[in-house]
Amino acid sequence: MKDLFESMDLPKIDLPTPAYKLVRNDDPSTSHAAAEQLDVTAMERIVLHAIDQFPDGCISDDVLAAIPQYRYSTVTARYKQLKEKGLVIVDDTKRKGESGRQQLVMWSKQNYNV
């Protein structure tokens, strides 16, 4: 039986994000308990899929526009883990965002050309 994300044809992420990376040591016990229950890998797959849709790279504004049904903090919190897993590449390239400020460009690993 396929899960929801398999039917959406999203990329696989084989390395689950450990719960300890989702909370600070001094966060309340309820936050630690909630982190244990989260399926962040599913959200990482959605964010990675959105980034992958931009072969020339994208900025955070592009990702947020591609998946508007998700909150800013839900989406942007996934960037770090995707970078640590080597699935998203960020170099020093920047583009101007909607705010007028520069944002780093992100590429999915398969779209990054050095």
PDB file of N, CA and C in Angstrom:
ATOM      1  N   MET A   1       0.837  -1.180   0.000  1.00  0.00           N
ATOM      2  CA  MET A   1       0.000   0.000   0.000  1.00  0.00           C
ATOM      3  C   MET A   1       0.881   1.242   0.000  1.00  0.00           C
ATOM      4  N   LYS A   2       0.627   2.166  -0.912  1.00  0.00           N
ATOM      5  CA  LYS A   2       1.407   3.397  -0.998  1.00  0.00           C
ATOM      6  C   LYS A   2       0.934   4.386   0.054  1.00  0.00           C
ATOM      7  N   ASP A   3       1.892   5.135   0.612  1.00  0.00           N
ATOM      8  CA  ASP A   3       1.488   6.202   1.505  1.00  0.00           C
ATOM      9  C   ASP A   3       1.175   7.450   0.683  1.00  0.00           C
ATOM     10  N   LEU A   4       0.681   8.474   1.323  1.00  0.00           N
ATOM     11  CA  LEU A   4       0.286   9.708   0.650  1.00  0.00           C
ATOM     12  C   LEU A   4       1.426  10.289  -0.173  1.00  0.00           C
ATOM     13  N   PHE A   5       2.632  10.267   0.358  1.00  0.00           N
ATOM     14  CA  PHE A   5       3.752  10.902  -0.316  1.00  0.00           C
ATOM     15  C   PHE A   5       4.250  10.091  -1.501  1.00  0.00           C
ATOM     16  N   GLU A   6       4.122   8.779  -1.457  1.00  0.00           N
ATOM     17  CA  GLU A   6       4.485   7.972  -2.617  1.00  0.00           C
ATOM     18  C   GLU A   6       3.550   8.266  -3.779  1.00  0.00           C
ATOM     19  N   SER A   7       2.271   8.456  -3.504  1.00  0.00           N
ATOM     20  CA  SER A   7       1.315   8.737  -4.571  1.00  0.00           C
ATOM     21  C   SER A   7       1.528  10.132  -5.162  1.00  0.00           C
ATOM     22  N   MET A   8       2.206  11.017  -4.424  1.00  0.00           N
ATOM     23  CA  MET A   8       2.502  12.359  -4.926  1.00  0.00           C
ATOM     24  C   MET A   8       3.797  12.380  -5.732  1.00  0.00           C
ATOM     25  N   ASP A   9       4.495  11.254  -5.806  1.00  0.00           N
ATOM     26  CA  ASP A   9       5.744  11.140  -6.561  1.00  0.00           C
ATOM     27  C   ASP A   9       6.801  12.116  -6.050  1.00  0.00           C
ATOM     28  N   LEU A  10       6.920  12.228  -4.741  1.00  0.00           N
ATOM     29  CA  LEU A  10       7.926  13.087  -4.126  1.00  0.00           C
ATOM     30  C   LEU A  10       9.226  12.315  -3.978  1.00  0.00           C
ATOM     31  N   PRO A  11      10.346  13.024  -3.909  1.00  0.00           N
ATOM     32  CA  PRO A  11      11.627  12.336  -3.756  1.00  0.00           C
ATOM     33  C   PRO A  11      11.716  11.607  -2.427  1.00  0.00           C
ATOM     34  N   LYS A  12      12.456  10.521  -2.417  1.00  0.00           N
ATOM     35  CA  LYS A  12      12.693   9.761  -1.191  1.00  0.00           C
ATOM     36  C   LYS A  12      13.782  10.449  -0.373  1.00  0.00           C
ATOM     37  N   ILE A  13      13.626  10.409   0.924  1.00  0.00           N
ATOM     38  CA  ILE A  13      14.665  10.879   1.839  1.00  0.00           C
ATOM     39  C   ILE A  13      14.920   9.732   2.792  1.00  0.00           C
ATOM     40  N   ASP A  14      16.076   9.118   2.642  1.00  0.00           N
ATOM     41  CA  ASP A  14      16.379   7.912   3.402  1.00  0.00           C
ATOM     42  C   ASP A  14      16.910   8.183   4.796  1.00  0.00           C
ATOM     43  N   LEU A  15      17.338   9.403   5.050  1.00  0.00           N
ATOM     44  CA  LEU A  15      17.916   9.730   6.345  1.00  0.00           C
ATOM     45  C   LEU A  15      16.925  10.515   7.182  1.00  0.00           C
ATOM     46  N   PRO A  16      16.209   9.864   8.095  1.00  0.00           N
ATOM     47  CA  PRO A  16      15.260  10.615   8.920  1.00  0.00           C
ATOM     48  C   PRO A  16      15.975  11.616   9.821  1.00  0.00           C
ATOM     49  N   THR A  17      15.339  12.725  10.070  1.00  0.00           N
ATOM     50  CA  THR A  17      15.901  13.742  10.954  1.00  0.00           C
ATOM     51  C   THR A  17      15.621  13.344  12.394  1.00  0.00           C
ATOM     52  N   PRO A  18      16.666  13.223  13.215  1.00  0.00           N
ATOM     53  CA  PRO A  18      16.452  12.840  14.609  1.00  0.00           C
ATOM     54  C   PRO A  18      15.740  13.938  15.391  1.00  0.00           C
ATOM     55  N   ALA A  19      14.914  13.530  16.326  1.00  0.00           N
ATOM     56  CA  ALA A  19      14.098  14.471  17.099  1.00  0.00           C
ATOM     57  C   ALA A  19      14.937  15.477  17.869  1.00  0.00           C
ATOM     58  N   TYR A  20      16.124  15.093  18.328  1.00  0.00           N
ATOM     59  CA  TYR A  20      16.929  16.024  19.125  1.00  0.00           C
ATOM     60  C   TYR A  20      17.342  17.258  18.324  1.00  0.00           C
ATOM     61  N   LYS A  21      17.323  17.170  17.004  1.00  0.00           N
ATOM     62  CA  LYS A  21      17.688  18.321  16.173  1.00  0.00           C
ATOM     63  C   LYS A  21      16.526  19.298  16.014  1.00  0.00           C
ATOM     64  N   LEU A  22      15.379  18.956  16.527  1.00  0.00           N
ATOM     65  CA  LEU A  22      14.189  19.789  16.363  1.00  0.00           C
ATOM     66  C   LEU A  22      13.892  20.660  17.574  1.00  0.00           C
ATOM     67  N   VAL A  23      14.605  20.431  18.659  1.00  0.00           N
ATOM     68  CA  VAL A  23      14.363  21.195  19.891  1.00  0.00           C
ATOM     69  C   VAL A  23      15.678  21.625  20.519  1.00  0.00           C
ATOM     70  N   ARG A  24      15.590  22.643  21.353  1.00  0.00           N
ATOM     71  CA  ARG A  24      16.745  23.098  22.116  1.00  0.00           C
ATOM     72  C   ARG A  24      16.783  22.350  23.454  1.00  0.00           C
ATOM     73  N   ASN A  25      17.939  22.249  24.027  1.00  0.00           N
ATOM     74  CA  ASN A  25      18.065  21.541  25.304  1.00  0.00           C
ATOM     75  C   ASN A  25      17.204  22.139  26.404  1.00  0.00           C
ATOM     76  N   ASP A  26      17.027  23.462  26.370  1.00  0.00           N
ATOM     77  CA  ASP A  26      16.268  24.110  27.435  1.00  0.00           C
ATOM     78  C   ASP A  26      14.780  24.269  27.103  1.00  0.00           C
ATOM     79  N   ASP A  27      14.315  23.679  25.996  1.00  0.00           N
ATOM     80  CA  ASP A  27      12.880  23.710  25.681  1.00  0.00           C
ATOM     81  C   ASP A  27      12.119  22.854  26.688  1.00  0.00           C
ATOM     82  N   PRO A  28      10.851  23.174  26.924  1.00  0.00           N
ATOM     83  CA  PRO A  28      10.061  22.382  27.877  1.00  0.00           C
ATOM     84  C   PRO A  28       9.884  20.938  27.408  1.00  0.00           C
ATOM     85  N   SER A  29       9.581  20.079  28.347  1.00  0.00           N
ATOM     86  CA  SER A  29       9.419  18.650  28.035  1.00  0.00           C
ATOM     87  C   SER A  29       8.322  18.417  26.998  1.00  0.00           C
ATOM     88  N   THR A  30       7.325  19.292  26.964  1.00  0.00           N
ATOM     89  CA  THR A  30       6.256  19.124  25.973  1.00  0.00           C
ATOM     90  C   THR A  30       6.793  19.300  24.551  1.00  0.00           C
ATOM     91  N   SER A  31       7.757  20.198  24.378  1.00  0.00           N
ATOM     92  CA  SER A  31       8.373  20.386  23.065  1.00  0.00           C
ATOM     93  C   SER A  31       9.172  19.154  22.658  1.00  0.00           C
ATOM     94  N   HIS A  32       9.878  18.569  23.609  1.00  0.00           N
ATOM     95  CA  HIS A  32      10.646  17.356  23.318  1.00  0.00           C
ATOM     96  C   HIS A  32       9.705  16.211  22.957  1.00  0.00           C
ATOM     97  N   ALA A  33       8.592  16.105  23.668  1.00  0.00           N
ATOM     98  CA  ALA A  33       7.610  15.052  23.370  1.00  0.00           C
ATOM     99  C   ALA A  33       6.999  15.261  21.987  1.00  0.00           C
ATOM    100  N   ALA A  34       6.698  16.505  21.660  1.00  0.00           N
ATOM    101  CA  ALA A  34       6.120  16.805  20.344  1.00  0.00           C
ATOM    102  C   ALA A  34       7.106  16.489  19.232  1.00  0.00           C
ATOM    103  N   ALA A  35       8.382  16.774  19.451  1.00  0.00           N
ATOM    104  CA  ALA A  35       9.404  16.505  18.435  1.00  0.00           C
ATOM    105  C   ALA A  35       9.491  15.014  18.132  1.00  0.00           C
ATOM    106  N   GLU A  36       9.285  14.191  19.147  1.00  0.00           N
ATOM    107  CA  GLU A  36       9.319  12.739  18.951  1.00  0.00           C
ATOM    108  C   GLU A  36       8.174  12.267  18.055  1.00  0.00           C
ATOM    109  N   GLN A  37       7.079  13.014  18.045  1.00  0.00           N
ATOM    110  CA  GLN A  37       5.892  12.609  17.299  1.00  0.00           C
ATOM    111  C   GLN A  37       5.857  13.128  15.867  1.00  0.00           C
ATOM    112  N   LEU A  38       6.692  14.110  15.551  1.00  0.00           N
ATOM    113  CA  LEU A  38       6.655  14.736  14.232  1.00  0.00           C
ATOM    114  C   LEU A  38       7.248  13.848  13.149  1.00  0.00           C
ATOM    115  N   ASP A  39       6.651  13.899  11.981  1.00  0.00           N
ATOM    116  CA  ASP A  39       7.219  13.243  10.803  1.00  0.00           C
ATOM    117  C   ASP A  39       7.803  14.341   9.922  1.00  0.00           C
ATOM    118  N   VAL A  40       8.969  14.853  10.319  1.00  0.00           N
ATOM    119  CA  VAL A  40       9.570  15.956   9.573  1.00  0.00           C
ATOM    120  C   VAL A  40      10.096  15.504   8.223  1.00  0.00           C
ATOM    121  N   THR A  41      10.399  14.230   8.103  1.00  0.00           N
ATOM    122  CA  THR A  41      10.893  13.730   6.829  1.00  0.00           C
ATOM    123  C   THR A  41       9.851  13.943   5.744  1.00  0.00           C
ATOM    124  N   ALA A  42       8.586  13.797   6.059  1.00  0.00           N
ATOM    125  CA  ALA A  42       7.522  14.019   5.077  1.00  0.00           C
ATOM    126  C   ALA A  42       7.535  15.470   4.602  1.00  0.00           C
ATOM    127  N   MET A  43       7.691  16.404   5.519  1.00  0.00           N
ATOM    128  CA  MET A  43       7.727  17.812   5.132  1.00  0.00           C
ATOM    129  C   MET A  43       9.008  18.129   4.376  1.00  0.00           C
ATOM    130  N   GLU A  44      10.105  17.500   4.750  1.00  0.00           N
ATOM    131  CA  GLU A  44      11.347  17.692   4.013  1.00  0.00           C
ATOM    132  C   GLU A  44      11.175  17.251   2.560  1.00  0.00           C
ATOM    133  N   ARG A  45      10.445  16.171   2.346  1.00  0.00           N
ATOM    134  CA  ARG A  45      10.202  15.689   0.988  1.00  0.00           C
ATOM    135  C   ARG A  45       9.413  16.720   0.183  1.00  0.00           C
ATOM    136  N   ILE A  46       8.441  17.337   0.807  1.00  0.00           N
ATOM    137  CA  ILE A  46       7.625  18.346   0.120  1.00  0.00           C
ATOM    138  C   ILE A  46       8.478  19.555  -0.244  1.00  0.00           C
ATOM    139  N   VAL A  47       9.298  20.020   0.694  1.00  0.00           N
ATOM    140  CA  VAL A  47      10.148  21.187   0.446  1.00  0.00           C
ATOM    141  C   VAL A  47      11.201  20.854  -0.615  1.00  0.00           C
ATOM    142  N   LEU A  48      11.794  19.672  -0.529  1.00  0.00           N
ATOM    143  CA  LEU A  48      12.774  19.266  -1.534  1.00  0.00           C
ATOM    144  C   LEU A  48      12.136  19.202  -2.918  1.00  0.00           C
ATOM    145  N   HIS A  49      10.940  18.677  -2.995  1.00  0.00           N
ATOM    146  CA  HIS A  49      10.228  18.610  -4.281  1.00  0.00           C
ATOM    147  C   HIS A  49      10.009  20.016  -4.848  1.00  0.00           C
ATOM    148  N   ALA A  50       9.643  20.957  -3.993  1.00  0.00           N
ATOM    149  CA  ALA A  50       9.437  22.340  -4.442  1.00  0.00           C
ATOM    150  C   ALA A  50      10.751  22.929  -4.963  1.00  0.00           C
ATOM    151  N   ILE A  51      11.837  22.732  -4.251  1.00  0.00           N
ATOM    152  CA  ILE A  51      13.143  23.253  -4.674  1.00  0.00           C
ATOM    153  C   ILE A  51      13.574  22.606  -5.980  1.00  0.00           C
ATOM    154  N   ASP A  52      13.282  21.340  -6.122  1.00  0.00           N
ATOM    155  CA  ASP A  52      13.663  20.592  -7.322  1.00  0.00           C
ATOM    156  C   ASP A  52      12.957  21.111  -8.576  1.00  0.00           C
ATOM    157  N   GLN A  53      11.859  21.820  -8.428  1.00  0.00           N
ATOM    158  CA  GLN A  53      11.112  22.346  -9.573  1.00  0.00           C
ATOM    159  C   GLN A  53      11.793  23.555 -10.215  1.00  0.00           C
ATOM    160  N   PHE A  54      12.877  24.023  -9.628  1.00  0.00           N
ATOM    161  CA  PHE A  54      13.599  25.191 -10.134  1.00  0.00           C
ATOM    162  C   PHE A  54      14.986  24.755 -10.612  1.00  0.00           C
ATOM    163  N   PRO A  55      15.128  24.380 -11.869  1.00  0.00           N
ATOM    164  CA  PRO A  55      16.419  23.891 -12.347  1.00  0.00           C
ATOM    165  C   PRO A  55      17.534  24.935 -12.268  1.00  0.00           C
ATOM    166  N   ASP A  56      17.186  26.216 -12.272  1.00  0.00           N
ATOM    167  CA  ASP A  56      18.188  27.281 -12.180  1.00  0.00           C
ATOM    168  C   ASP A  56      18.346  27.786 -10.746  1.00  0.00           C
ATOM    169  N   GLY A  57      17.862  27.028  -9.793  1.00  0.00           N
ATOM    170  CA  GLY A  57      17.942  27.420  -8.396  1.00  0.00           C
ATOM    171  C   GLY A  57      16.776  28.309  -8.003  1.00  0.00           C
ATOM    172  N   CYS A  58      16.592  28.479  -6.715  1.00  0.00           N
ATOM    173  CA  CYS A  58      15.491  29.293  -6.217  1.00  0.00           C
ATOM    174  C   CYS A  58      15.881  29.932  -4.900  1.00  0.00           C
ATOM    175  N   ILE A  59      15.151  30.953  -4.537  1.00  0.00           N
ATOM    176  CA  ILE A  59      15.315  31.578  -3.229  1.00  0.00           C
ATOM    177  C   ILE A  59      14.128  31.160  -2.372  1.00  0.00           C
ATOM    178  N   SER A  60      14.188  31.467  -1.120  1.00  0.00           N
ATOM    179  CA  SER A  60      13.122  31.078  -0.201  1.00  0.00           C
ATOM    180  C   SER A  60      11.758  31.612  -0.654  1.00  0.00           C
ATOM    181  N   ASP A  61      11.717  32.823  -1.188  1.00  0.00           N
ATOM    182  CA  ASP A  61      10.448  33.376  -1.682  1.00  0.00           C
ATOM    183  C   ASP A  61       9.829  32.473  -2.737  1.00  0.00           C
ATOM    184  N   ASP A  62      10.662  31.887  -3.617  1.00  0.00           N
ATOM    185  CA  ASP A  62      10.168  30.989  -4.659  1.00  0.00           C
ATOM    186  C   ASP A  62       9.562  29.724  -4.062  1.00  0.00           C
ATOM    187  N   VAL A  63      10.245  29.163  -3.078  1.00  0.00           N
ATOM    188  CA  VAL A  63       9.766  27.936  -2.437  1.00  0.00           C
ATOM    189  C   VAL A  63       8.434  28.198  -1.743  1.00  0.00           C
ATOM    190  N   LEU A  64       8.361  29.296  -1.012  1.00  0.00           N
ATOM    191  CA  LEU A  64       7.127  29.634  -0.299  1.00  0.00           C
ATOM    192  C   LEU A  64       5.967  29.859  -1.271  1.00  0.00           C
ATOM    193  N   ALA A  65       6.243  30.447  -2.427  1.00  0.00           N
ATOM    194  CA  ALA A  65       5.197  30.664  -3.431  1.00  0.00           C
ATOM    195  C   ALA A  65       4.775  29.349  -4.076  1.00  0.00           C
ATOM    196  N   ALA A  66       5.699  28.395  -4.170  1.00  0.00           N
ATOM    197  CA  ALA A  66       5.392  27.106  -4.800  1.00  0.00           C
ATOM    198  C   ALA A  66       4.522  26.220  -3.913  1.00  0.00           C
ATOM    199  N   ILE A  67       4.620  26.402  -2.607  1.00  0.00           N
ATOM    200  CA  ILE A  67       3.810  25.591  -1.681  1.00  0.00           C
ATOM    201  C   ILE A  67       3.129  26.515  -0.654  1.00  0.00           C
ATOM    202  N   PRO A  68       2.208  27.353  -1.125  1.00  0.00           N
ATOM    203  CA  PRO A  68       1.594  28.357  -0.259  1.00  0.00           C
ATOM    204  C   PRO A  68       0.699  27.787   0.841  1.00  0.00           C
ATOM    205  N   GLN A  69       0.343  26.534   0.748  1.00  0.00           N
ATOM    206  CA  GLN A  69      -0.524  25.937   1.762  1.00  0.00           C
ATOM    207  C   GLN A  69       0.201  25.652   3.075  1.00  0.00           C
ATOM    208  N   TYR A  70       1.537  25.815   3.069  1.00  0.00           N
ATOM    209  CA  TYR A  70       2.324  25.582   4.273  1.00  0.00           C
ATOM    210  C   TYR A  70       2.836  26.897   4.837  1.00  0.00           C
ATOM    211  N   ARG A  71       2.930  26.960   6.146  1.00  0.00           N
ATOM    212  CA  ARG A  71       3.375  28.174   6.820  1.00  0.00           C
ATOM    213  C   ARG A  71       4.867  28.412   6.613  1.00  0.00           C
ATOM    214  N   TYR A  72       5.213  29.672   6.683  1.00  0.00           N
ATOM    215  CA  TYR A  72       6.606  30.107   6.521  1.00  0.00           C
ATOM    216  C   TYR A  72       7.541  29.293   7.411  1.00  0.00           C
ATOM    217  N   SER A  73       7.226  29.223   8.692  1.00  0.00           N
ATOM    218  CA  SER A  73       8.123  28.554   9.636  1.00  0.00           C
ATOM    219  C   SER A  73       8.209  27.047   9.388  1.00  0.00           C
ATOM    220  N   THR A  74       7.160  26.454   8.885  1.00  0.00           N
ATOM    221  CA  THR A  74       7.168  25.024   8.576  1.00  0.00           C
ATOM    222  C   THR A  74       8.104  24.734   7.415  1.00  0.00           C
ATOM    223  N   VAL A  75       8.088  25.599   6.412  1.00  0.00           N
ATOM    224  CA  VAL A  75       8.918  25.410   5.216  1.00  0.00           C
ATOM    225  C   VAL A  75      10.377  25.745   5.508  1.00  0.00           C
ATOM    226  N   THR A  76      10.628  26.923   6.037  1.00  0.00           N
ATOM    227  CA  THR A  76      12.012  27.379   6.192  1.00  0.00           C
ATOM    228  C   THR A  76      12.787  26.551   7.219  1.00  0.00           C
ATOM    229  N   ALA A  77      12.100  25.935   8.143  1.00  0.00           N
ATOM    230  CA  ALA A  77      12.776  25.090   9.132  1.00  0.00           C
ATOM    231  C   ALA A  77      13.374  23.839   8.502  1.00  0.00           C
ATOM    232  N   ARG A  78      12.949  23.479   7.322  1.00  0.00           N
ATOM    233  CA  ARG A  78      13.442  22.265   6.660  1.00  0.00           C
ATOM    234  C   ARG A  78      14.730  22.492   5.875  1.00  0.00           C
ATOM    235  N   TYR A  79      15.066  23.732   5.542  1.00  0.00           N
ATOM    236  CA  TYR A  79      16.246  24.003   4.725  1.00  0.00           C
ATOM    237  C   TYR A  79      17.524  23.449   5.353  1.00  0.00           C
ATOM    238  N   LYS A  80      17.708  23.690   6.635  1.00  0.00           N
ATOM    239  CA  LYS A  80      18.952  23.287   7.295  1.00  0.00           C
ATOM    240  C   LYS A  80      19.174  21.785   7.184  1.00  0.00           C
ATOM    241  N   GLN A  81      18.150  20.992   7.481  1.00  0.00           N
ATOM    242  CA  GLN A  81      18.309  19.541   7.423  1.00  0.00           C
ATOM    243  C   GLN A  81      18.555  19.057   5.997  1.00  0.00           C
ATOM    244  N   LEU A  82      17.884  19.654   5.038  1.00  0.00           N
ATOM    245  CA  LEU A  82      18.100  19.266   3.643  1.00  0.00           C
ATOM    246  C   LEU A  82      19.524  19.576   3.209  1.00  0.00           C
ATOM    247  N   LYS A  83      20.064  20.698   3.687  1.00  0.00           N
ATOM    248  CA  LYS A  83      21.457  21.040   3.378  1.00  0.00           C
ATOM    249  C   LYS A  83      22.406  20.069   4.072  1.00  0.00           C
ATOM    250  N   GLU A  84      22.164  19.770   5.337  1.00  0.00           N
ATOM    251  CA  GLU A  84      23.020  18.846   6.084  1.00  0.00           C
ATOM    252  C   GLU A  84      23.030  17.456   5.466  1.00  0.00           C
ATOM    253  N   LYS A  85      21.916  17.046   4.890  1.00  0.00           N
ATOM    254  CA  LYS A  85      21.819  15.731   4.250  1.00  0.00           C
ATOM    255  C   LYS A  85      22.408  15.734   2.842  1.00  0.00           C
ATOM    256  N   GLY A  86      22.825  16.903   2.359  1.00  0.00           N
ATOM    257  CA  GLY A  86      23.416  17.002   1.035  1.00  0.00           C
ATOM    258  C   GLY A  86      22.403  16.964  -0.097  1.00  0.00           C
ATOM    259  N   LEU A  87      21.137  17.160   0.210  1.00  0.00           N
ATOM    260  CA  LEU A  87      20.084  17.117  -0.803  1.00  0.00           C
ATOM    261  C   LEU A  87      19.830  18.481  -1.423  1.00  0.00           C
ATOM    262  N   VAL A  88      20.211  19.531  -0.704  1.00  0.00           N
ATOM    263  CA  VAL A  88      20.081  20.908  -1.192  1.00  0.00           C
ATOM    264  C   VAL A  88      21.452  21.564  -1.094  1.00  0.00           C
ATOM    265  N   ILE A  89      21.833  22.244  -2.161  1.00  0.00           N
ATOM    266  CA  ILE A  89      23.135  22.904  -2.233  1.00  0.00           C
ATOM    267  C   ILE A  89      22.924  24.417  -2.195  1.00  0.00           C
ATOM    268  N   VAL A  90      23.743  25.089  -1.381  1.00  0.00           N
ATOM    269  CA  VAL A  90      23.731  26.545  -1.300  1.00  0.00           C
ATOM    270  C   VAL A  90      25.178  27.003  -1.401  1.00  0.00           C
ATOM    271  N   ASP A  91      25.426  27.912  -2.345  1.00  0.00           N
ATOM    272  CA  ASP A  91      26.756  28.508  -2.409  1.00  0.00           C
ATOM    273  C   ASP A  91      26.600  29.999  -2.092  1.00  0.00           C
ATOM    274  N   ASP A  92      27.469  30.837  -2.566  1.00  0.00           N
ATOM    275  CA  ASP A  92      27.383  32.269  -2.245  1.00  0.00           C
ATOM    276  C   ASP A  92      26.503  33.049  -3.207  1.00  0.00           C
ATOM    277  N   THR A  93      25.830  32.373  -4.135  1.00  0.00           N
ATOM    278  CA  THR A  93      24.971  33.049  -5.098  1.00  0.00           C
ATOM    279  C   THR A  93      23.743  33.615  -4.391  1.00  0.00           C
ATOM    280  N   LYS A  94      23.391  34.852  -4.722  1.00  0.00           N
ATOM    281  CA  LYS A  94      22.239  35.512  -4.109  1.00  0.00           C
ATOM    282  C   LYS A  94      21.360  36.126  -5.182  1.00  0.00           C
ATOM    283  N   ARG A  95      20.068  36.275  -4.845  1.00  0.00           N
ATOM    284  CA  ARG A  95      19.109  36.977  -5.696  1.00  0.00           C
ATOM    285  C   ARG A  95      18.246  37.865  -4.798  1.00  0.00           C
ATOM    286  N   LYS A  96      17.725  38.909  -5.406  1.00  0.00           N
ATOM    287  CA  LYS A  96      16.887  39.833  -4.650  1.00  0.00           C
ATOM    288  C   LYS A  96      15.504  39.211  -4.420  1.00  0.00           C
ATOM    289  N   GLY A  97      15.065  39.243  -3.179  1.00  0.00           N
ATOM    290  CA  GLY A  97      13.747  38.738  -2.812  1.00  0.00           C
ATOM    291  C   GLY A  97      12.695  39.831  -2.892  1.00  0.00           C
ATOM    292  N   GLU A  98      11.466  39.462  -2.573  1.00  0.00           N
ATOM    293  CA  GLU A  98      10.349  40.407  -2.617  1.00  0.00           C
ATOM    294  C   GLU A  98      10.563  41.598  -1.692  1.00  0.00           C
ATOM    295  N   SER A  99      11.295  41.383  -0.610  1.00  0.00           N
ATOM    296  CA  SER A  99      11.539  42.451   0.354  1.00  0.00           C
ATOM    297  C   SER A  99      12.586  43.447  -0.143  1.00  0.00           C
ATOM    298  N   GLY A 100      13.264  43.079  -1.241  1.00  0.00           N
ATOM    299  CA  GLY A 100      14.347  43.907  -1.732  1.00  0.00           C
ATOM    300  C   GLY A 100      15.703  43.484  -1.190  1.00  0.00           C
ATOM    301  N   ARG A 101      15.699  42.590  -0.234  1.00  0.00           N
ATOM    302  CA  ARG A 101      16.943  42.092   0.345  1.00  0.00           C
ATOM    303  C   ARG A 101      17.416  40.861  -0.419  1.00  0.00           C
ATOM    304  N   GLN A 102      18.716  40.624  -0.354  1.00  0.00           N
ATOM    305  CA  GLN A 102      19.317  39.469  -1.025  1.00  0.00           C
ATOM    306  C   GLN A 102      19.024  38.176  -0.252  1.00  0.00           C
ATOM    307  N   GLN A 103      18.729  37.103  -0.997  1.00  0.00           N
ATOM    308  CA  GLN A 103      18.523  35.783  -0.404  1.00  0.00           C
ATOM    309  C   GLN A 103      19.455  34.803  -1.102  1.00  0.00           C
ATOM    310  N   LEU A 104      19.941  33.824  -0.360  1.00  0.00           N
ATOM    311  CA  LEU A 104      20.790  32.793  -0.941  1.00  0.00           C
ATOM    312  C   LEU A 104      19.993  31.917  -1.898  1.00  0.00           C
ATOM    313  N   VAL A 105      20.620  31.518  -2.988  1.00  0.00           N
ATOM    314  CA  VAL A 105      19.989  30.635  -3.956  1.00  0.00           C
ATOM    315  C   VAL A 105      20.239  29.188  -3.528  1.00  0.00           C
ATOM    316  N   MET A 106      19.189  28.361  -3.641  1.00  0.00           N
ATOM    317  CA  MET A 106      19.261  26.935  -3.301  1.00  0.00           C
ATOM    318  C   MET A 106      18.995  26.120  -4.561  1.00  0.00           C
ATOM    319  N   TRP A 107      19.686  25.004  -4.676  1.00  0.00           N
ATOM    320  CA  TRP A 107      19.444  24.052  -5.755  1.00  0.00           C
ATOM    321  C   TRP A 107      19.242  22.672  -5.157  1.00  0.00           C
ATOM    322  N   SER A 108      18.414  21.863  -5.786  1.00  0.00           N
ATOM    323  CA  SER A 108      18.409  20.454  -5.406  1.00  0.00           C
ATOM    324  C   SER A 108      19.724  19.873  -5.904  1.00  0.00           C
ATOM    325  N   LYS A 109      20.189  18.843  -5.275  1.00  0.00           N
ATOM    326  CA  LYS A 109      21.479  18.242  -5.619  1.00  0.00           C
ATOM    327  C   LYS A 109      21.557  17.922  -7.104  1.00  0.00           C
ATOM    328  N   GLN A 110      20.470  17.424  -7.673  1.00  0.00           N
ATOM    329  CA  GLN A 110      20.507  17.026  -9.082  1.00  0.00           C
ATOM    330  C   GLN A 110      20.535  18.203 -10.035  1.00  0.00           C
ATOM    331  N   ASN A 111      20.127  19.385  -9.587  1.00  0.00           N
ATOM    332  CA  ASN A 111      20.119  20.567 -10.465  1.00  0.00           C
ATOM    333  C   ASN A 111      21.338  21.459 -10.302  1.00  0.00           C
ATOM    334  N   TYR A 112      22.198  21.141  -9.355  1.00  0.00           N
ATOM    335  CA  TYR A 112      23.343  22.021  -9.092  1.00  0.00           C
ATOM    336  C   TYR A 112      24.469  21.731 -10.070  1.00  0.00           C
ATOM    337  N   ASN A 113      24.886  22.752 -10.777  1.00  0.00           N
ATOM    338  CA  ASN A 113      26.022  22.659 -11.685  1.00  0.00           C
ATOM    339  C   ASN A 113      27.086  23.631 -11.233  1.00  0.00           C
ATOM    340  N   VAL A 114      28.194  23.124 -10.811  1.00  0.00           N
ATOM    341  CA  VAL A 114      29.274  23.985 -10.315  1.00  0.00           C
ATOM    342  C   VAL A 114      29.891  24.776 -11.440  1.00  0.00           C
TER     343      VAL A 114
END
